[in-house]
N, C-alpha and C. Protein backbone atom coordinates (compact mmCIF):
# COMPACT_ATOMS: atom_id res chain seq x y z
N MET A 1 -49.68 -9.93 -33.98
CA MET A 1 -50.55 -10.40 -35.04
C MET A 1 -49.73 -11.07 -36.12
N ASN A 2 -50.09 -12.22 -36.50
CA ASN A 2 -49.39 -12.97 -37.52
C ASN A 2 -49.92 -12.59 -38.88
N GLN A 3 -49.10 -11.90 -39.68
CA GLN A 3 -49.55 -11.46 -40.98
C GLN A 3 -49.39 -12.53 -42.05
N THR A 4 -48.92 -13.70 -41.69
CA THR A 4 -48.80 -14.79 -42.65
C THR A 4 -50.01 -15.70 -42.60
N SER A 5 -51.04 -15.32 -41.85
CA SER A 5 -52.24 -16.13 -41.80
C SER A 5 -52.90 -16.13 -43.17
N PRO A 6 -53.66 -17.18 -43.48
CA PRO A 6 -54.26 -17.26 -44.80
C PRO A 6 -55.23 -16.10 -45.03
N LYS A 7 -55.26 -15.62 -46.27
CA LYS A 7 -56.15 -14.53 -46.61
C LYS A 7 -57.58 -15.06 -46.70
N ILE A 8 -58.51 -14.23 -46.30
CA ILE A 8 -59.91 -14.59 -46.41
C ILE A 8 -60.59 -13.60 -47.33
N ASP A 9 -61.71 -14.00 -47.89
CA ASP A 9 -62.55 -13.09 -48.65
C ASP A 9 -63.46 -12.42 -47.62
N PHE A 10 -63.07 -11.22 -47.21
CA PHE A 10 -63.74 -10.54 -46.11
C PHE A 10 -65.23 -10.38 -46.37
N GLU A 11 -65.58 -9.91 -47.54
CA GLU A 11 -66.99 -9.67 -47.86
C GLU A 11 -67.80 -10.97 -47.84
N GLN A 12 -67.20 -12.05 -48.36
CA GLN A 12 -67.91 -13.33 -48.36
C GLN A 12 -68.08 -13.86 -46.94
N GLN A 13 -67.05 -13.73 -46.12
CA GLN A 13 -67.15 -14.20 -44.74
C GLN A 13 -68.16 -13.37 -43.95
N LEU A 14 -68.21 -12.07 -44.21
CA LEU A 14 -69.19 -11.22 -43.55
C LEU A 14 -70.61 -11.64 -43.96
N SER A 15 -70.80 -11.97 -45.22
CA SER A 15 -72.09 -12.45 -45.69
C SER A 15 -72.44 -13.78 -45.02
N ASN A 16 -71.46 -14.66 -44.90
CA ASN A 16 -71.68 -15.94 -44.21
C ASN A 16 -72.10 -15.72 -42.76
N LEU A 17 -71.45 -14.77 -42.11
CA LEU A 17 -71.77 -14.47 -40.72
C LEU A 17 -73.20 -13.93 -40.60
N GLU A 18 -73.57 -13.06 -41.51
CA GLU A 18 -74.94 -12.52 -41.50
C GLU A 18 -75.98 -13.63 -41.69
N SER A 19 -75.67 -14.60 -42.56
CA SER A 19 -76.58 -15.73 -42.78
C SER A 19 -76.72 -16.58 -41.52
N LEU A 20 -75.59 -16.80 -40.84
CA LEU A 20 -75.63 -17.56 -39.59
C LEU A 20 -76.48 -16.86 -38.54
N VAL A 21 -76.32 -15.55 -38.42
CA VAL A 21 -77.09 -14.78 -37.44
C VAL A 21 -78.58 -14.87 -37.76
N THR A 22 -78.91 -14.74 -39.04
CA THR A 22 -80.31 -14.82 -39.45
C THR A 22 -80.91 -16.17 -39.09
N SER A 23 -80.16 -17.24 -39.35
CA SER A 23 -80.69 -18.58 -39.03
C SER A 23 -80.82 -18.78 -37.53
N LEU A 24 -79.87 -18.24 -36.76
CA LEU A 24 -79.97 -18.35 -35.31
C LEU A 24 -81.16 -17.55 -34.77
N GLU A 25 -81.37 -16.37 -35.32
CA GLU A 25 -82.48 -15.54 -34.87
C GLU A 25 -83.83 -16.13 -35.25
N GLY A 26 -83.85 -16.96 -36.31
CA GLY A 26 -85.09 -17.57 -36.75
C GLY A 26 -85.67 -18.55 -35.74
N GLY A 27 -84.81 -19.14 -34.93
CA GLY A 27 -85.27 -20.04 -33.87
C GLY A 27 -85.70 -21.41 -34.35
N ASP A 28 -85.41 -21.76 -35.60
CA ASP A 28 -85.84 -23.04 -36.13
C ASP A 28 -84.78 -24.14 -36.02
N LEU A 29 -83.63 -23.80 -35.48
CA LEU A 29 -82.54 -24.78 -35.36
C LEU A 29 -82.65 -25.56 -34.06
N THR A 30 -82.15 -26.78 -34.09
CA THR A 30 -82.07 -27.55 -32.86
C THR A 30 -80.97 -26.95 -31.98
N LEU A 31 -80.90 -27.38 -30.75
CA LEU A 31 -79.86 -26.89 -29.86
C LEU A 31 -78.48 -27.20 -30.43
N GLU A 32 -78.29 -28.41 -30.91
CA GLU A 32 -76.99 -28.80 -31.46
C GLU A 32 -76.65 -27.98 -32.70
N GLU A 33 -77.61 -27.75 -33.57
CA GLU A 33 -77.39 -26.93 -34.76
C GLU A 33 -77.07 -25.49 -34.37
N SER A 34 -77.76 -24.99 -33.36
CA SER A 34 -77.52 -23.63 -32.88
C SER A 34 -76.11 -23.49 -32.33
N LEU A 35 -75.68 -24.46 -31.53
CA LEU A 35 -74.32 -24.43 -30.98
C LEU A 35 -73.28 -24.50 -32.09
N SER A 36 -73.50 -25.35 -33.06
CA SER A 36 -72.57 -25.48 -34.18
C SER A 36 -72.50 -24.17 -34.97
N SER A 37 -73.65 -23.57 -35.23
CA SER A 37 -73.70 -22.30 -35.96
C SER A 37 -73.02 -21.20 -35.16
N PHE A 38 -73.24 -21.19 -33.85
CA PHE A 38 -72.61 -20.19 -33.00
C PHE A 38 -71.09 -20.33 -33.04
N GLU A 39 -70.60 -21.56 -32.92
CA GLU A 39 -69.16 -21.81 -32.97
C GLU A 39 -68.58 -21.36 -34.31
N GLN A 40 -69.27 -21.67 -35.40
CA GLN A 40 -68.81 -21.26 -36.72
C GLN A 40 -68.82 -19.73 -36.83
N GLY A 41 -69.84 -19.10 -36.29
CA GLY A 41 -69.93 -17.64 -36.31
C GLY A 41 -68.79 -16.98 -35.54
N ILE A 42 -68.43 -17.54 -34.40
CA ILE A 42 -67.32 -17.01 -33.62
C ILE A 42 -66.02 -17.12 -34.42
N LYS A 43 -65.82 -18.25 -35.08
CA LYS A 43 -64.61 -18.46 -35.89
C LYS A 43 -64.56 -17.43 -37.03
N ILE A 44 -65.65 -17.23 -37.72
CA ILE A 44 -65.71 -16.27 -38.82
C ILE A 44 -65.47 -14.85 -38.30
N ALA A 45 -66.10 -14.51 -37.18
CA ALA A 45 -65.92 -13.17 -36.61
C ALA A 45 -64.46 -12.91 -36.26
N ARG A 46 -63.78 -13.90 -35.72
CA ARG A 46 -62.36 -13.75 -35.38
C ARG A 46 -61.51 -13.56 -36.63
N GLU A 47 -61.81 -14.34 -37.68
CA GLU A 47 -61.07 -14.20 -38.94
C GLU A 47 -61.27 -12.80 -39.53
N CYS A 48 -62.49 -12.32 -39.49
CA CYS A 48 -62.79 -10.98 -40.01
C CYS A 48 -62.08 -9.91 -39.18
N GLN A 49 -62.07 -10.08 -37.88
CA GLN A 49 -61.38 -9.12 -37.01
C GLN A 49 -59.89 -9.09 -37.33
N GLN A 50 -59.29 -10.25 -37.55
CA GLN A 50 -57.87 -10.30 -37.90
C GLN A 50 -57.61 -9.61 -39.23
N ALA A 51 -58.49 -9.82 -40.20
CA ALA A 51 -58.33 -9.17 -41.51
C ALA A 51 -58.42 -7.66 -41.36
N LEU A 52 -59.34 -7.19 -40.52
CA LEU A 52 -59.46 -5.75 -40.29
C LEU A 52 -58.22 -5.19 -39.59
N GLN A 53 -57.65 -5.93 -38.66
CA GLN A 53 -56.44 -5.48 -37.97
C GLN A 53 -55.27 -5.37 -38.94
N VAL A 54 -55.15 -6.33 -39.84
CA VAL A 54 -54.08 -6.28 -40.84
C VAL A 54 -54.26 -5.06 -41.74
N ALA A 55 -55.49 -4.81 -42.16
CA ALA A 55 -55.77 -3.65 -43.00
C ALA A 55 -55.44 -2.35 -42.26
N GLU A 56 -55.81 -2.29 -40.99
CA GLU A 56 -55.51 -1.10 -40.19
C GLU A 56 -54.00 -0.89 -40.06
N GLN A 57 -53.25 -1.96 -39.85
CA GLN A 57 -51.80 -1.85 -39.74
C GLN A 57 -51.19 -1.36 -41.05
N ARG A 58 -51.72 -1.82 -42.17
CA ARG A 58 -51.21 -1.38 -43.47
C ARG A 58 -51.46 0.12 -43.65
N VAL A 59 -52.63 0.59 -43.25
CA VAL A 59 -52.94 2.01 -43.36
C VAL A 59 -52.01 2.81 -42.46
N GLU A 60 -51.79 2.34 -41.24
CA GLU A 60 -50.89 3.05 -40.32
C GLU A 60 -49.48 3.15 -40.87
N VAL A 61 -48.99 2.09 -41.51
CA VAL A 61 -47.65 2.12 -42.09
C VAL A 61 -47.59 3.19 -43.17
N LEU A 62 -48.62 3.26 -43.99
CA LEU A 62 -48.64 4.26 -45.05
C LEU A 62 -48.70 5.68 -44.50
N MET A 63 -49.40 5.85 -43.40
CA MET A 63 -49.60 7.18 -42.85
C MET A 63 -48.46 7.64 -41.96
N LYS A 64 -47.65 6.74 -41.43
CA LYS A 64 -46.65 7.11 -40.42
C LYS A 64 -45.22 6.89 -40.89
N GLN A 65 -44.91 7.25 -42.08
CA GLN A 65 -43.53 7.12 -42.53
C GLN A 65 -42.87 8.48 -42.41
N GLY A 66 -42.18 8.65 -41.31
CA GLY A 66 -41.54 9.94 -41.03
C GLY A 66 -42.60 10.96 -40.65
N ASP A 67 -42.34 12.20 -40.99
CA ASP A 67 -43.29 13.27 -40.71
C ASP A 67 -44.21 13.52 -41.90
N GLU A 68 -44.01 12.77 -42.96
CA GLU A 68 -44.79 12.96 -44.16
C GLU A 68 -45.83 11.85 -44.32
N ILE A 69 -46.89 12.18 -45.01
CA ILE A 69 -47.82 11.15 -45.42
C ILE A 69 -47.28 10.58 -46.73
N VAL A 70 -47.02 9.29 -46.71
CA VAL A 70 -46.40 8.65 -47.86
C VAL A 70 -47.39 7.65 -48.45
N SER A 71 -47.51 7.69 -49.74
CA SER A 71 -48.38 6.76 -50.44
C SER A 71 -47.53 5.76 -51.20
N GLN A 72 -47.91 4.52 -51.12
CA GLN A 72 -47.22 3.47 -51.86
C GLN A 72 -48.24 2.78 -52.74
N PRO A 73 -47.83 2.28 -53.90
CA PRO A 73 -48.79 1.58 -54.75
C PRO A 73 -49.30 0.32 -54.06
N PHE A 74 -50.56 0.02 -54.26
CA PHE A 74 -51.15 -1.16 -53.68
C PHE A 74 -50.67 -2.38 -54.44
N GLU A 75 -50.13 -3.34 -53.73
CA GLU A 75 -49.67 -4.58 -54.32
C GLU A 75 -50.32 -5.73 -53.57
N PRO A 76 -51.41 -6.29 -54.10
CA PRO A 76 -52.07 -7.40 -53.39
C PRO A 76 -51.14 -8.59 -53.27
N GLU A 77 -51.24 -9.25 -52.12
CA GLU A 77 -50.42 -10.42 -51.89
C GLU A 77 -51.05 -11.60 -52.61
N ASN A 78 -50.24 -12.49 -53.13
CA ASN A 78 -50.75 -13.69 -53.79
C ASN A 78 -51.27 -14.65 -52.75
N ASN A 79 -52.37 -15.34 -53.07
CA ASN A 79 -52.95 -16.31 -52.14
C ASN A 79 -52.13 -17.55 -52.09
């Protein structure tokens, strides 16, 4: 996993994905619009999955330092 990938606003992307699903479920889109929305949804879902994997790796690092549970201060990365 490449941790140098650009940061995303996870909550905003999740909201975008929910909006795409709602529009697809509505059935009012043309075939081309549906395909475009589906492609965009797949891209967003992959970005969100990557963000979750990075978060999981960070938690594992904090939890697996030696035999102790070690806490480190949270330092957000600059965009």
